[in-house]
Every structure is written in C-alpha cells, then in structure tokens.
Amino acid sequence: MLEEYNEVLLSKNKNERLGEIADMMEVISSLIELENSNLEAVIKMMKGKG
C-alpha cells in the first residue's frame, strides 16, 4: 500500500494519478474481501466517523 501511495504522490498528471489511485483501490478491495465485507459497508463506516 505504501508503494502505491508513493506512486500517487509521484504522478505527473491527473490521469496517471487516477490510475495509481485505482491500484490502491485494488489493494483496499482485496483487504475488504479478506474481512468478508464490501466497499459499501466500509464507506458507511467512513461516513459514520465524520
């Protein structure tokens, strides 16, 4: 995840940055699946922390 984040920071333009964010989302999605959950549940938790 840290490697992907660094690639976001080093991106040269919006399109490249979004591609790197998509890579981060792949990692996050896999972690969510390992917890037998889904993205919607995690977003709900995130919004509840506000």
N, C-alpha and C. Protein backbone atom coordinates (compact mmCIF):
# COMPACT_ATOMS: atom_id res chain seq x y z
N MET A 1 0.83 -1.18 0.00
CA MET A 1 0.00 0.00 0.00
C MET A 1 0.87 1.25 0.00
N LEU A 2 1.93 1.23 0.78
CA LEU A 2 2.82 2.39 0.85
C LEU A 2 3.45 2.67 -0.52
N GLU A 3 3.84 1.60 -1.21
CA GLU A 3 4.43 1.75 -2.54
C GLU A 3 3.42 2.41 -3.50
N GLU A 4 2.18 1.96 -3.45
CA GLU A 4 1.15 2.53 -4.31
C GLU A 4 0.92 4.00 -3.97
N TYR A 5 0.91 4.32 -2.69
CA TYR A 5 0.71 5.70 -2.25
C TYR A 5 1.84 6.59 -2.77
N ASN A 6 3.07 6.10 -2.68
CA ASN A 6 4.20 6.87 -3.18
C ASN A 6 4.07 7.11 -4.68
N GLU A 7 3.54 6.13 -5.41
CA GLU A 7 3.34 6.30 -6.84
C GLU A 7 2.28 7.37 -7.12
N VAL A 8 1.27 7.47 -6.26
CA VAL A 8 0.28 8.54 -6.40
C VAL A 8 0.99 9.89 -6.23
N LEU A 9 1.80 10.00 -5.20
CA LEU A 9 2.49 11.25 -4.93
C LEU A 9 3.44 11.65 -6.06
N LEU A 10 4.02 10.68 -6.73
CA LEU A 10 4.99 10.96 -7.79
C LEU A 10 4.35 11.09 -9.17
N SER A 11 3.05 10.92 -9.24
CA SER A 11 2.35 11.01 -10.52
C SER A 11 2.53 12.39 -11.13
N LYS A 12 2.64 12.40 -12.46
CA LYS A 12 2.91 13.65 -13.16
C LYS A 12 1.67 14.39 -13.63
N ASN A 13 0.53 13.67 -13.69
CA ASN A 13 -0.68 14.32 -14.15
C ASN A 13 -1.91 13.61 -13.58
N LYS A 14 -3.07 14.20 -13.82
CA LYS A 14 -4.31 13.67 -13.25
C LYS A 14 -4.58 12.25 -13.69
N ASN A 15 -4.41 11.95 -14.97
CA ASN A 15 -4.70 10.62 -15.48
C ASN A 15 -3.80 9.56 -14.83
N GLU A 16 -2.53 9.87 -14.72
CA GLU A 16 -1.59 8.96 -14.08
C GLU A 16 -1.94 8.78 -12.60
N ARG A 17 -2.30 9.89 -11.95
CA ARG A 17 -2.66 9.85 -10.53
C ARG A 17 -3.89 8.98 -10.31
N LEU A 18 -4.90 9.14 -11.17
CA LEU A 18 -6.11 8.32 -11.04
C LEU A 18 -5.81 6.85 -11.27
N GLY A 19 -4.91 6.55 -12.18
CA GLY A 19 -4.51 5.16 -12.39
C GLY A 19 -3.86 4.57 -11.15
N GLU A 20 -3.03 5.37 -10.50
CA GLU A 20 -2.37 4.89 -9.27
C GLU A 20 -3.39 4.76 -8.13
N ILE A 21 -4.35 5.66 -8.07
CA ILE A 21 -5.41 5.55 -7.07
C ILE A 21 -6.22 4.28 -7.31
N ALA A 22 -6.46 3.96 -8.59
CA ALA A 22 -7.15 2.71 -8.92
C ALA A 22 -6.36 1.51 -8.41
N ASP A 23 -5.04 1.56 -8.52
CA ASP A 23 -4.21 0.48 -7.99
C ASP A 23 -4.37 0.36 -6.48
N MET A 24 -4.43 1.51 -5.80
CA MET A 24 -4.64 1.50 -4.35
C MET A 24 -5.99 0.88 -4.01
N MET A 25 -7.00 1.23 -4.81
CA MET A 25 -8.35 0.70 -4.58
C MET A 25 -8.37 -0.82 -4.75
N GLU A 26 -7.56 -1.34 -5.67
CA GLU A 26 -7.47 -2.80 -5.83
C GLU A 26 -6.97 -3.45 -4.54
N VAL A 27 -5.94 -2.84 -3.95
CA VAL A 27 -5.39 -3.37 -2.70
C VAL A 27 -6.44 -3.29 -1.60
N ILE A 28 -7.09 -2.15 -1.49
CA ILE A 28 -8.13 -1.95 -0.47
C ILE A 28 -9.26 -2.95 -0.68
N SER A 29 -9.67 -3.13 -1.92
CA SER A 29 -10.75 -4.08 -2.23
C SER A 29 -10.39 -5.49 -1.78
N SER A 30 -9.15 -5.88 -2.01
CA SER A 30 -8.70 -7.21 -1.59
C SER A 30 -8.72 -7.34 -0.07
N LEU A 31 -8.30 -6.30 0.63
CA LEU A 31 -8.31 -6.32 2.09
C LEU A 31 -9.73 -6.41 2.62
N ILE A 32 -10.65 -5.70 1.98
CA ILE A 32 -12.06 -5.75 2.39
C ILE A 32 -12.61 -7.15 2.19
N GLU A 33 -12.28 -7.78 1.05
CA GLU A 33 -12.74 -9.15 0.79
C GLU A 33 -12.20 -10.13 1.83
N LEU A 34 -10.96 -9.94 2.25
CA LEU A 34 -10.38 -10.81 3.27
C LEU A 34 -11.14 -10.73 4.58
N GLU A 35 -11.81 -9.61 4.81
CA GLU A 35 -12.61 -9.42 6.02
C GLU A 35 -14.06 -9.82 5.80
N ASN A 36 -14.34 -10.44 4.64
CA ASN A 36 -15.70 -10.86 4.29
C ASN A 36 -16.69 -9.70 4.38
N SER A 37 -16.26 -8.57 3.81
CA SER A 37 -17.11 -7.38 3.80
C SER A 37 -17.17 -6.84 2.39
N ASN A 38 -17.69 -5.61 2.26
CA ASN A 38 -17.77 -4.99 0.94
C ASN A 38 -17.50 -3.49 1.05
N LEU A 39 -17.26 -2.88 -0.10
CA LEU A 39 -16.90 -1.48 -0.13
C LEU A 39 -18.00 -0.59 0.44
N GLU A 40 -19.24 -0.95 0.17
CA GLU A 40 -20.36 -0.15 0.67
C GLU A 40 -20.36 -0.09 2.20
N ALA A 41 -20.07 -1.21 2.84
CA ALA A 41 -20.03 -1.25 4.30
C ALA A 41 -18.90 -0.38 4.84
N VAL A 42 -17.78 -0.40 4.16
CA VAL A 42 -16.64 0.39 4.60
C VAL A 42 -16.93 1.89 4.41
N ILE A 43 -17.56 2.25 3.30
CA ILE A 43 -17.92 3.64 3.08
C ILE A 43 -18.91 4.11 4.13
N LYS A 44 -19.85 3.25 4.48
CA LYS A 44 -20.81 3.58 5.53
C LYS A 44 -20.10 3.85 6.85
N MET A 45 -19.11 3.01 7.17
CA MET A 45 -18.32 3.23 8.40
C MET A 45 -17.57 4.54 8.32
N MET A 46 -16.98 4.82 7.16
CA MET A 46 -16.21 6.05 6.97
C MET A 46 -17.09 7.28 7.20
N LYS A 47 -18.28 7.26 6.63
CA LYS A 47 -19.18 8.40 6.77
C LYS A 47 -19.68 8.55 8.21
N GLY A 48 -19.77 7.45 8.93
CA GLY A 48 -20.20 7.49 10.31
C GLY A 48 -19.17 8.06 11.25
N LYS A 49 -17.90 8.10 10.81
CA LYS A 49 -16.82 8.65 11.64
C LYS A 49 -16.79 10.17 11.60
N GLY A 50 -17.46 10.76 10.59
CA GLY A 50 -17.41 12.20 10.36
C GLY A 50 -17.83 12.99 11.52
